Amino acid sequence: MGAIISGVIFLVIGLTVRVYPNILAGYNNLSQKEQENAEKNRLPFFGFILFTAMGIIAILAYAFSIWLENPTLSSKTTLIVTLVGAVIAVVGGNYLKNNRIN
C-alpha cells in the first residue's frame, strides 16, 4: 500500500512541477538569465517527466508484487526508485541548468 501512496505523491509532484516550475528546489534563487536558460533547456519538463516516471514505476511495482506474490518487492522497488530518482534529479538538473543552448 505504501508503494501506491508514494506513486500517487510522485505523480502529484510531477503534475505540480509541470504547472508551477517555481517549486523546484533552487529555481527561485537563479538569476533571471539562468531561469531563462533553464526554461530553454526544458528543466521544468525534465522534472515533470522524472517525477511522473517515478510514480508510474512505483505503482507498477505494487502491481507486480501482487502478481508475483512477493509483498516486499514493492517496498524495495519504491526505495530504489526514490534513491535513483534523486540522483538523476540532481545530476540532470545541474546539467540542464548549466548547459548553454545557442
PDB file of N, CA and C in Angstrom:
ATOM      1  N   MET A   1       0.821  -1.201   0.000  1.00  0.00           N
ATOM      2  CA  MET A   1       0.000   0.000   0.000  1.00  0.00           C
ATOM      3  C   MET A   1       0.858   1.255   0.000  1.00  0.00           C
ATOM      4  N   GLY A   2       2.030   1.168   0.639  1.00  0.00           N
ATOM      5  CA  GLY A   2       2.924   2.320   0.675  1.00  0.00           C
ATOM      6  C   GLY A   2       3.442   2.693  -0.704  1.00  0.00           C
ATOM      7  N   ALA A   3       3.581   1.684  -1.576  1.00  0.00           N
ATOM      8  CA  ALA A   3       4.042   1.955  -2.936  1.00  0.00           C
ATOM      9  C   ALA A   3       3.012   2.759  -3.716  1.00  0.00           C
ATOM     10  N   ILE A   4       1.746   2.485  -3.496  1.00  0.00           N
ATOM     11  CA  ILE A   4       0.697   3.242  -4.179  1.00  0.00           C
ATOM     12  C   ILE A   4       0.681   4.676  -3.686  1.00  0.00           C
ATOM     13  N   ILE A   5       0.802   4.862  -2.385  1.00  0.00           N
ATOM     14  CA  ILE A   5       0.815   6.218  -1.825  1.00  0.00           C
ATOM     15  C   ILE A   5       2.027   6.983  -2.351  1.00  0.00           C
ATOM     16  N   SER A   6       3.188   6.350  -2.343  1.00  0.00           N
ATOM     17  CA  SER A   6       4.392   7.000  -2.874  1.00  0.00           C
ATOM     18  C   SER A   6       4.229   7.320  -4.354  1.00  0.00           C
ATOM     19  N   GLY A   7       3.681   6.395  -5.100  1.00  0.00           N
ATOM     20  CA  GLY A   7       3.471   6.619  -6.525  1.00  0.00           C
ATOM     21  C   GLY A   7       2.532   7.769  -6.803  1.00  0.00           C
ATOM     22  N   VAL A   8       1.452   7.846  -6.054  1.00  0.00           N
ATOM     23  CA  VAL A   8       0.499   8.951  -6.235  1.00  0.00           C
ATOM     24  C   VAL A   8       1.152  10.277  -5.846  1.00  0.00           C
ATOM     25  N   ILE A   9       1.941  10.283  -4.785  1.00  0.00           N
ATOM     26  CA  ILE A   9       2.634  11.512  -4.383  1.00  0.00           C
ATOM     27  C   ILE A   9       3.600  11.949  -5.484  1.00  0.00           C
ATOM     28  N   PHE A  10       4.353  11.010  -6.054  1.00  0.00           N
ATOM     29  CA  PHE A  10       5.263  11.353  -7.142  1.00  0.00           C
ATOM     30  C   PHE A  10       4.498  11.895  -8.350  1.00  0.00           C
ATOM     31  N   LEU A  11       3.363  11.295  -8.675  1.00  0.00           N
ATOM     32  CA  LEU A  11       2.560  11.782  -9.798  1.00  0.00           C
ATOM     33  C   LEU A  11       2.042  13.191  -9.541  1.00  0.00           C
ATOM     34  N   VAL A  12       1.582  13.450  -8.327  1.00  0.00           N
ATOM     35  CA  VAL A  12       1.090  14.796  -7.980  1.00  0.00           C
ATOM     36  C   VAL A  12       2.220  15.810  -8.048  1.00  0.00           C
ATOM     37  N   ILE A  13       3.397  15.449  -7.553  1.00  0.00           N
ATOM     38  CA  ILE A  13       4.544  16.359  -7.623  1.00  0.00           C
ATOM     39  C   ILE A  13       4.911  16.621  -9.081  1.00  0.00           C
ATOM     40  N   GLY A  14       4.896  15.595  -9.903  1.00  0.00           N
ATOM     41  CA  GLY A  14       5.215  15.770 -11.325  1.00  0.00           C
ATOM     42  C   GLY A  14       4.249  16.709 -12.019  1.00  0.00           C
ATOM     43  N   LEU A  15       2.963  16.542 -11.772  1.00  0.00           N
ATOM     44  CA  LEU A  15       1.973  17.426 -12.389  1.00  0.00           C
ATOM     45  C   LEU A  15       2.079  18.842 -11.843  1.00  0.00           C
ATOM     46  N   THR A  16       2.404  18.979 -10.573  1.00  0.00           N
ATOM     47  CA  THR A  16       2.548  20.302  -9.977  1.00  0.00           C
ATOM     48  C   THR A  16       3.774  21.014 -10.541  1.00  0.00           C
ATOM     49  N   VAL A  17       4.860  20.292 -10.742  1.00  0.00           N
ATOM     50  CA  VAL A  17       6.070  20.891 -11.328  1.00  0.00           C
ATOM     51  C   VAL A  17       5.782  21.354 -12.750  1.00  0.00           C
ATOM     52  N   ARG A  18       4.973  20.612 -13.458  1.00  0.00           N
ATOM     53  CA  ARG A  18       4.623  20.992 -14.836  1.00  0.00           C
ATOM     54  C   ARG A  18       3.887  22.326 -14.861  1.00  0.00           C
ATOM     55  N   VAL A  19       2.986  22.536 -13.913  1.00  0.00           N
ATOM     56  CA  VAL A  19       2.185  23.755 -13.882  1.00  0.00           C
ATOM     57  C   VAL A  19       2.934  24.898 -13.183  1.00  0.00           C
ATOM     58  N   TYR A  20       3.605  24.597 -12.067  1.00  0.00           N
ATOM     59  CA  TYR A  20       4.310  25.604 -11.276  1.00  0.00           C
ATOM     60  C   TYR A  20       5.791  25.231 -11.161  1.00  0.00           C
ATOM     61  N   PRO A  21       6.613  25.598 -12.143  1.00  0.00           N
ATOM     62  CA  PRO A  21       8.026  25.196 -12.103  1.00  0.00           C
ATOM     63  C   PRO A  21       8.809  25.862 -10.972  1.00  0.00           C
ATOM     64  N   ASN A  22       8.272  26.892 -10.346  1.00  0.00           N
ATOM     65  CA  ASN A  22       8.991  27.575  -9.271  1.00  0.00           C
ATOM     66  C   ASN A  22       9.121  26.726  -8.009  1.00  0.00           C
ATOM     67  N   ILE A  23       8.410  25.613  -7.921  1.00  0.00           N
ATOM     68  CA  ILE A  23       8.543  24.784  -6.719  1.00  0.00           C
ATOM     69  C   ILE A  23       9.777  23.896  -6.768  1.00  0.00           C
ATOM     70  N   LEU A  24      10.465  23.876  -7.914  1.00  0.00           N
ATOM     71  CA  LEU A  24      11.718  23.123  -7.983  1.00  0.00           C
ATOM     72  C   LEU A  24      12.724  23.749  -7.031  1.00  0.00           C
ATOM     73  N   ALA A  25      13.472  22.914  -6.337  1.00  0.00           N
ATOM     74  CA  ALA A  25      14.427  23.401  -5.347  1.00  0.00           C
ATOM     75  C   ALA A  25      15.498  24.256  -6.016  1.00  0.00           C
ATOM     76  N   GLY A  26      15.673  25.464  -5.525  1.00  0.00           N
ATOM     77  CA  GLY A  26      16.697  26.363  -6.018  1.00  0.00           C
ATOM     78  C   GLY A  26      16.309  27.139  -7.262  1.00  0.00           C
ATOM     79  N   TYR A  27      15.150  26.882  -7.824  1.00  0.00           N
ATOM     80  CA  TYR A  27      14.750  27.560  -9.061  1.00  0.00           C
ATOM     81  C   TYR A  27      14.553  29.054  -8.833  1.00  0.00           C
ATOM     82  N   ASN A  28      13.985  29.426  -7.699  1.00  0.00           N
ATOM     83  CA  ASN A  28      13.761  30.845  -7.403  1.00  0.00           C
ATOM     84  C   ASN A  28      15.058  31.588  -7.128  1.00  0.00           C
ATOM     85  N   ASN A  29      16.102  30.887  -6.714  1.00  0.00           N
ATOM     86  CA  ASN A  29      17.377  31.530  -6.408  1.00  0.00           C
ATOM     87  C   ASN A  29      18.219  31.792  -7.646  1.00  0.00           C
ATOM     88  N   LEU A  30      17.813  31.286  -8.791  1.00  0.00           N
ATOM     89  CA  LEU A  30      18.551  31.518 -10.028  1.00  0.00           C
ATOM     90  C   LEU A  30      18.320  32.944 -10.504  1.00  0.00           C
ATOM     91  N   SER A  31      19.316  33.485 -11.180  1.00  0.00           N
ATOM     92  CA  SER A  31      19.137  34.805 -11.783  1.00  0.00           C
ATOM     93  C   SER A  31      18.136  34.682 -12.934  1.00  0.00           C
ATOM     94  N   GLN A  32      17.672  35.835 -13.407  1.00  0.00           N
ATOM     95  CA  GLN A  32      16.692  35.821 -14.496  1.00  0.00           C
ATOM     96  C   GLN A  32      17.277  35.146 -15.740  1.00  0.00           C
ATOM     97  N   LYS A  33      18.544  35.406 -16.018  1.00  0.00           N
ATOM     98  CA  LYS A  33      19.197  34.795 -17.182  1.00  0.00           C
ATOM     99  C   LYS A  33      19.310  33.280 -17.011  1.00  0.00           C
ATOM    100  N   GLU A  34      19.660  32.835 -15.806  1.00  0.00           N
ATOM    101  CA  GLU A  34      19.760  31.397 -15.558  1.00  0.00           C
ATOM    102  C   GLU A  34      18.397  30.724 -15.631  1.00  0.00           C
ATOM    103  N   GLN A  35      17.337  31.403 -15.156  1.00  0.00           N
ATOM    104  CA  GLN A  35      15.988  30.833 -15.254  1.00  0.00           C
ATOM    105  C   GLN A  35      15.571  30.703 -16.714  1.00  0.00           C
ATOM    106  N   GLU A  36      15.878  31.718 -17.516  1.00  0.00           N
ATOM    107  CA  GLU A  36      15.543  31.640 -18.941  1.00  0.00           C
ATOM    108  C   GLU A  36      16.316  30.507 -19.614  1.00  0.00           C
ATOM    109  N   ASN A  37      17.594  30.351 -19.239  1.00  0.00           N
ATOM    110  CA  ASN A  37      18.401  29.260 -19.797  1.00  0.00           C
ATOM    111  C   ASN A  37      17.833  27.909 -19.380  1.00  0.00           C
ATOM    112  N   ALA A  38      17.425  27.790 -18.123  1.00  0.00           N
ATOM    113  CA  ALA A  38      16.851  26.529 -17.647  1.00  0.00           C
ATOM    114  C   ALA A  38      15.541  26.226 -18.363  1.00  0.00           C
ATOM    115  N   GLU A  39      14.750  27.245 -18.640  1.00  0.00           N
ATOM    116  CA  GLU A  39      13.492  27.026 -19.363  1.00  0.00           C
ATOM    117  C   GLU A  39      13.752  26.649 -20.818  1.00  0.00           C
ATOM    118  N   LYS A  40      14.785  27.238 -21.426  1.00  0.00           N
ATOM    119  CA  LYS A  40      15.132  26.861 -22.801  1.00  0.00           C
ATOM    120  C   LYS A  40      15.609  25.414 -22.858  1.00  0.00           C
ATOM    121  N   ASN A  41      16.298  24.979 -21.812  1.00  0.00           N
ATOM    122  CA  ASN A  41      16.765  23.593 -21.735  1.00  0.00           C
ATOM    123  C   ASN A  41      15.684  22.642 -21.243  1.00  0.00           C
ATOM    124  N   ARG A  42      14.500  23.164 -20.964  1.00  0.00           N
ATOM    125  CA  ARG A  42      13.321  22.380 -20.558  1.00  0.00           C
ATOM    126  C   ARG A  42      13.504  21.692 -19.207  1.00  0.00           C
ATOM    127  N   LEU A  43      14.071  22.423 -18.258  1.00  0.00           N
ATOM    128  CA  LEU A  43      14.243  21.891 -16.907  1.00  0.00           C
ATOM    129  C   LEU A  43      12.907  21.550 -16.248  1.00  0.00           C
ATOM    130  N   PRO A  44      11.875  22.419 -16.320  1.00  0.00           N
ATOM    131  CA  PRO A  44      10.588  22.028 -15.723  1.00  0.00           C
ATOM    132  C   PRO A  44       9.990  20.770 -16.355  1.00  0.00           C
ATOM    133  N   PHE A  45      10.152  20.610 -17.663  1.00  0.00           N
ATOM    134  CA  PHE A  45       9.640  19.413 -18.329  1.00  0.00           C
ATOM    135  C   PHE A  45      10.411  18.173 -17.873  1.00  0.00           C
ATOM    136  N   PHE A  46      11.723  18.320 -17.661  1.00  0.00           N
ATOM    137  CA  PHE A  46      12.543  17.231 -17.139  1.00  0.00           C
ATOM    138  C   PHE A  46      12.027  16.804 -15.762  1.00  0.00           C
ATOM    139  N   GLY A  47      11.724  17.779 -14.895  1.00  0.00           N
ATOM    140  CA  GLY A  47      11.178  17.461 -13.575  1.00  0.00           C
ATOM    141  C   GLY A  47       9.835  16.751 -13.676  1.00  0.00           C
ATOM    142  N   PHE A  48       9.002  17.218 -14.589  1.00  0.00           N
ATOM    143  CA  PHE A  48       7.700  16.593 -14.801  1.00  0.00           C
ATOM    144  C   PHE A  48       7.857  15.138 -15.234  1.00  0.00           C
ATOM    145  N   ILE A  49       8.712  14.886 -16.225  1.00  0.00           N
ATOM    146  CA  ILE A  49       8.915  13.536 -16.730  1.00  0.00           C
ATOM    147  C   ILE A  49       9.516  12.640 -15.649  1.00  0.00           C
ATOM    148  N   LEU A  50      10.498  13.167 -14.913  1.00  0.00           N
ATOM    149  CA  LEU A  50      11.175  12.373 -13.896  1.00  0.00           C
ATOM    150  C   LEU A  50      10.212  11.941 -12.795  1.00  0.00           C
ATOM    151  N   PHE A  51       9.474  12.885 -12.227  1.00  0.00           N
ATOM    152  CA  PHE A  51       8.564  12.530 -11.138  1.00  0.00           C
ATOM    153  C   PHE A  51       7.398  11.672 -11.615  1.00  0.00           C
ATOM    154  N   THR A  52       6.921  11.914 -12.820  1.00  0.00           N
ATOM    155  CA  THR A  52       5.844  11.088 -13.354  1.00  0.00           C
ATOM    156  C   THR A  52       6.330   9.654 -13.575  1.00  0.00           C
ATOM    157  N   ALA A  53       7.522   9.500 -14.114  1.00  0.00           N
ATOM    158  CA  ALA A  53       8.076   8.152 -14.315  1.00  0.00           C
ATOM    159  C   ALA A  53       8.289   7.450 -12.978  1.00  0.00           C
ATOM    160  N   MET A  54       8.764   8.191 -11.980  1.00  0.00           N
ATOM    161  CA  MET A  54       8.953   7.591 -10.661  1.00  0.00           C
ATOM    162  C   MET A  54       7.620   7.109 -10.095  1.00  0.00           C
ATOM    163  N   GLY A  55       6.572   7.890 -10.269  1.00  0.00           N
ATOM    164  CA  GLY A  55       5.255   7.499  -9.778  1.00  0.00           C
ATOM    165  C   GLY A  55       4.704   6.277 -10.491  1.00  0.00           C
ATOM    166  N   ILE A  56       4.857   6.256 -11.797  1.00  0.00           N
ATOM    167  CA  ILE A  56       4.360   5.112 -12.569  1.00  0.00           C
ATOM    168  C   ILE A  56       5.124   3.842 -12.208  1.00  0.00           C
ATOM    169  N   ILE A  57       6.437   3.949 -12.063  1.00  0.00           N
ATOM    170  CA  ILE A  57       7.237   2.770 -11.699  1.00  0.00           C
ATOM    171  C   ILE A  57       6.854   2.261 -10.319  1.00  0.00           C
ATOM    172  N   ALA A  58       6.631   3.173  -9.369  1.00  0.00           N
ATOM    173  CA  ALA A  58       6.250   2.752  -8.014  1.00  0.00           C
ATOM    174  C   ALA A  58       4.894   2.049  -8.011  1.00  0.00           C
ATOM    175  N   ILE A  59       3.949   2.561  -8.772  1.00  0.00           N
ATOM    176  CA  ILE A  59       2.621   1.934  -8.826  1.00  0.00           C
ATOM    177  C   ILE A  59       2.691   0.584  -9.538  1.00  0.00           C
ATOM    178  N   LEU A  60       3.451   0.514 -10.624  1.00  0.00           N
ATOM    179  CA  LEU A  60       3.611  -0.764 -11.324  1.00  0.00           C
ATOM    180  C   LEU A  60       4.329  -1.794 -10.458  1.00  0.00           C
ATOM    181  N   ALA A  61       5.260  -1.342  -9.628  1.00  0.00           N
ATOM    182  CA  ALA A  61       5.956  -2.269  -8.726  1.00  0.00           C
ATOM    183  C   ALA A  61       4.975  -2.913  -7.754  1.00  0.00           C
ATOM    184  N   TYR A  62       3.996  -2.145  -7.302  1.00  0.00           N
ATOM    185  CA  TYR A  62       2.979  -2.710  -6.413  1.00  0.00           C
ATOM    186  C   TYR A  62       2.161  -3.779  -7.140  1.00  0.00           C
ATOM    187  N   ALA A  63       1.780  -3.473  -8.388  1.00  0.00           N
ATOM    188  CA  ALA A  63       1.004  -4.451  -9.158  1.00  0.00           C
ATOM    189  C   ALA A  63       1.822  -5.727  -9.412  1.00  0.00           C
ATOM    190  N   PHE A  64       3.088  -5.570  -9.745  1.00  0.00           N
ATOM    191  CA  PHE A  64       3.935  -6.742  -9.973  1.00  0.00           C
ATOM    192  C   PHE A  64       4.173  -7.528  -8.689  1.00  0.00           C
ATOM    193  N   SER A  65       4.272  -6.829  -7.560  1.00  0.00           N
ATOM    194  CA  SER A  65       4.488  -7.551  -6.301  1.00  0.00           C
ATOM    195  C   SER A  65       3.274  -8.401  -5.939  1.00  0.00           C
ATOM    196  N   ILE A  66       2.086  -7.924  -6.267  1.00  0.00           N
ATOM    197  CA  ILE A  66       0.879  -8.734  -6.035  1.00  0.00           C
ATOM    198  C   ILE A  66       0.865  -9.911  -7.013  1.00  0.00           C
ATOM    199  N   TRP A  67       1.192  -9.641  -8.259  1.00  0.00           N
ATOM    200  CA  TRP A  67       1.181 -10.680  -9.279  1.00  0.00           C
ATOM    201  C   TRP A  67       2.196 -11.775  -8.968  1.00  0.00           C
ATOM    202  N   LEU A  68       3.368 -11.392  -8.478  1.00  0.00           N
ATOM    203  CA  LEU A  68       4.410 -12.356  -8.152  1.00  0.00           C
ATOM    204  C   LEU A  68       4.295 -12.919  -6.733  1.00  0.00           C
ATOM    205  N   GLU A  69       3.303 -12.437  -5.994  1.00  0.00           N
ATOM    206  CA  GLU A  69       3.060 -12.859  -4.604  1.00  0.00           C
ATOM    207  C   GLU A  69       4.304 -12.645  -3.738  1.00  0.00           C
ATOM    208  N   ASN A  70       4.924 -11.486  -3.913  1.00  0.00           N
ATOM    209  CA  ASN A  70       6.105 -11.114  -3.151  1.00  0.00           C
ATOM    210  C   ASN A  70       5.899  -9.681  -2.637  1.00  0.00           C
ATOM    211  N   PRO A  71       5.291  -9.527  -1.458  1.00  0.00           N
ATOM    212  CA  PRO A  71       4.927  -8.180  -0.996  1.00  0.00           C
ATOM    213  C   PRO A  71       6.115  -7.275  -0.699  1.00  0.00           C
ATOM    214  N   THR A  72       7.290  -7.815  -0.440  1.00  0.00           N
ATOM    215  CA  THR A  72       8.434  -6.957  -0.144  1.00  0.00           C
ATOM    216  C   THR A  72       9.028  -6.335  -1.402  1.00  0.00           C
ATOM    217  N   LEU A  73       8.656  -6.860  -2.557  1.00  0.00           N
ATOM    218  CA  LEU A  73       9.184  -6.332  -3.814  1.00  0.00           C
ATOM    219  C   LEU A  73       8.781  -4.873  -4.017  1.00  0.00           C
ATOM    220  N   SER A  74       7.550  -4.517  -3.692  1.00  0.00           N
ATOM    221  CA  SER A  74       7.088  -3.151  -3.934  1.00  0.00           C
ATOM    222  C   SER A  74       7.801  -2.143  -3.032  1.00  0.00           C
ATOM    223  N   SER A  75       8.045  -2.490  -1.782  1.00  0.00           N
ATOM    224  CA  SER A  75       8.721  -1.539  -0.894  1.00  0.00           C
ATOM    225  C   SER A  75      10.187  -1.367  -1.291  1.00  0.00           C
ATOM    226  N   LYS A  76      10.826  -2.454  -1.708  1.00  0.00           N
ATOM    227  CA  LYS A  76      12.217  -2.358  -2.156  1.00  0.00           C
ATOM    228  C   LYS A  76      12.315  -1.542  -3.437  1.00  0.00           C
ATOM    229  N   THR A  77      11.397  -1.764  -4.352  1.00  0.00           N
ATOM    230  CA  THR A  77      11.411  -1.032  -5.614  1.00  0.00           C
ATOM    231  C   THR A  77      11.130   0.446  -5.391  1.00  0.00           C
ATOM    232  N   THR A  78      10.222   0.763  -4.497  1.00  0.00           N
ATOM    233  CA  THR A  78       9.927   2.164  -4.197  1.00  0.00           C
ATOM    234  C   THR A  78      11.135   2.861  -3.603  1.00  0.00           C
ATOM    235  N   LEU A  79      11.862   2.186  -2.746  1.00  0.00           N
ATOM    236  CA  LEU A  79      13.083   2.755  -2.180  1.00  0.00           C
ATOM    237  C   LEU A  79      14.116   2.988  -3.265  1.00  0.00           C
ATOM    238  N   ILE A  80      14.296   2.021  -4.142  1.00  0.00           N
ATOM    239  CA  ILE A  80      15.271   2.159  -5.231  1.00  0.00           C
ATOM    240  C   ILE A  80      14.857   3.275  -6.187  1.00  0.00           C
ATOM    241  N   VAL A  81      13.576   3.357  -6.508  1.00  0.00           N
ATOM    242  CA  VAL A  81      13.080   4.409  -7.398  1.00  0.00           C
ATOM    243  C   VAL A  81      13.342   5.780  -6.789  1.00  0.00           C
ATOM    244  N   THR A  82      13.114   5.921  -5.504  1.00  0.00           N
ATOM    245  CA  THR A  82      13.331   7.203  -4.835  1.00  0.00           C
ATOM    246  C   THR A  82      14.804   7.591  -4.839  1.00  0.00           C
ATOM    247  N   LEU A  83      15.679   6.657  -4.509  1.00  0.00           N
ATOM    248  CA  LEU A  83      17.108   6.963  -4.466  1.00  0.00           C
ATOM    249  C   LEU A  83      17.677   7.251  -5.851  1.00  0.00           C
ATOM    250  N   VAL A  84      17.346   6.428  -6.819  1.00  0.00           N
ATOM    251  CA  VAL A  84      17.839   6.644  -8.176  1.00  0.00           C
ATOM    252  C   VAL A  84      17.240   7.916  -8.767  1.00  0.00           C
ATOM    253  N   GLY A  85      15.976   8.172  -8.494  1.00  0.00           N
ATOM    254  CA  GLY A  85      15.338   9.397  -8.977  1.00  0.00           C
ATOM    255  C   GLY A  85      15.979  10.647  -8.396  1.00  0.00           C
ATOM    256  N   ALA A  86      16.385  10.591  -7.132  1.00  0.00           N
ATOM    257  CA  ALA A  86      17.055  11.743  -6.518  1.00  0.00           C
ATOM    258  C   ALA A  86      18.401  12.008  -7.182  1.00  0.00           C
ATOM    259  N   VAL A  87      19.138  10.955  -7.466  1.00  0.00           N
ATOM    260  CA  VAL A  87      20.436  11.123  -8.140  1.00  0.00           C
ATOM    261  C   VAL A  87      20.244  11.678  -9.548  1.00  0.00           C
ATOM    262  N   ILE A  88      19.283  11.140 -10.274  1.00  0.00           N
ATOM    263  CA  ILE A  88      19.014  11.627 -11.627  1.00  0.00           C
ATOM    264  C   ILE A  88      18.549  13.073 -11.593  1.00  0.00           C
ATOM    265  N   ALA A  89      17.738  13.439 -10.606  1.00  0.00           N
ATOM    266  CA  ALA A  89      17.259  14.813 -10.493  1.00  0.00           C
ATOM    267  C   ALA A  89      18.406  15.784 -10.254  1.00  0.00           C
ATOM    268  N   VAL A  90      19.330  15.424  -9.378  1.00  0.00           N
ATOM    269  CA  VAL A  90      20.455  16.316  -9.083  1.00  0.00           C
ATOM    270  C   VAL A  90      21.379  16.445 -10.291  1.00  0.00           C
ATOM    271  N   VAL A  91      21.776  15.322 -10.869  1.00  0.00           N
ATOM    272  CA  VAL A  91      22.709  15.354 -11.995  1.00  0.00           C
ATOM    273  C   VAL A  91      22.061  15.989 -13.226  1.00  0.00           C
ATOM    274  N   GLY A  92      20.866  15.539 -13.560  1.00  0.00           N
ATOM    275  CA  GLY A  92      20.179  16.087 -14.733  1.00  0.00           C
ATOM    276  C   GLY A  92      19.793  17.539 -14.563  1.00  0.00           C
ATOM    277  N   GLY A  93      19.364  17.916 -13.377  1.00  0.00           N
ATOM    278  CA  GLY A  93      19.001  19.308 -13.123  1.00  0.00           C
ATOM    279  C   GLY A  93      20.192  20.239 -13.239  1.00  0.00           C
ATOM    280  N   ASN A  94      21.317  19.845 -12.687  1.00  0.00           N
ATOM    281  CA  ASN A  94      22.524  20.666 -12.813  1.00  0.00           C
ATOM    282  C   ASN A  94      22.983  20.758 -14.254  1.00  0.00           C
ATOM    283  N   TYR A  95      22.885  19.664 -14.981  1.00  0.00           N
ATOM    284  CA  TYR A  95      23.273  19.688 -16.390  1.00  0.00           C
ATOM    285  C   TYR A  95      22.387  20.646 -17.182  1.00  0.00           C
ATOM    286  N   LEU A  96      21.071  20.558 -16.989  1.00  0.00           N
ATOM    287  CA  LEU A  96      20.155  21.410 -17.738  1.00  0.00           C
ATOM    288  C   LEU A  96      20.241  22.869 -17.313  1.00  0.00           C
ATOM    289  N   LYS A  97      20.586  23.104 -16.053  1.00  0.00           N
ATOM    290  CA  LYS A  97      20.713  24.484 -15.575  1.00  0.00           C
ATOM    291  C   LYS A  97      21.961  25.142 -16.141  1.00  0.00           C
ATOM    292  N   ASN A  98      23.039  24.402 -16.240  1.00  0.00           N
ATOM    293  CA  ASN A  98      24.315  24.963 -16.655  1.00  0.00           C
ATOM    294  C   ASN A  98      24.592  24.862 -18.144  1.00  0.00           C
ATOM    295  N   ASN A  99      23.906  23.997 -18.859  1.00  0.00           N
ATOM    296  CA  ASN A  99      24.131  23.810 -20.294  1.00  0.00           C
ATOM    297  C   ASN A  99      23.609  25.023 -21.049  1.00  0.00           C
ATOM    298  N   ARG A 100      24.395  25.508 -21.977  1.00  0.00           N
ATOM    299  CA  ARG A 100      24.013  26.684 -22.758  1.00  0.00           C
ATOM    300  C   ARG A 100      23.506  26.232 -24.129  1.00  0.00           C
ATOM    301  N   ILE A 101      22.322  26.717 -24.497  1.00  0.00           N
ATOM    302  CA  ILE A 101      21.785  26.464 -25.838  1.00  0.00           C
ATOM    303  C   ILE A 101      21.876  27.768 -26.616  1.00  0.00           C
ATOM    304  N   ASN A 102      22.495  27.707 -27.768  1.00  0.00           N
ATOM    305  CA  ASN A 102      22.654  28.926 -28.572  1.00  0.00           C
ATOM    306  C   ASN A 102      21.569  29.022 -29.593  1.00  0.00           C
TER     307      ASN A 102
END
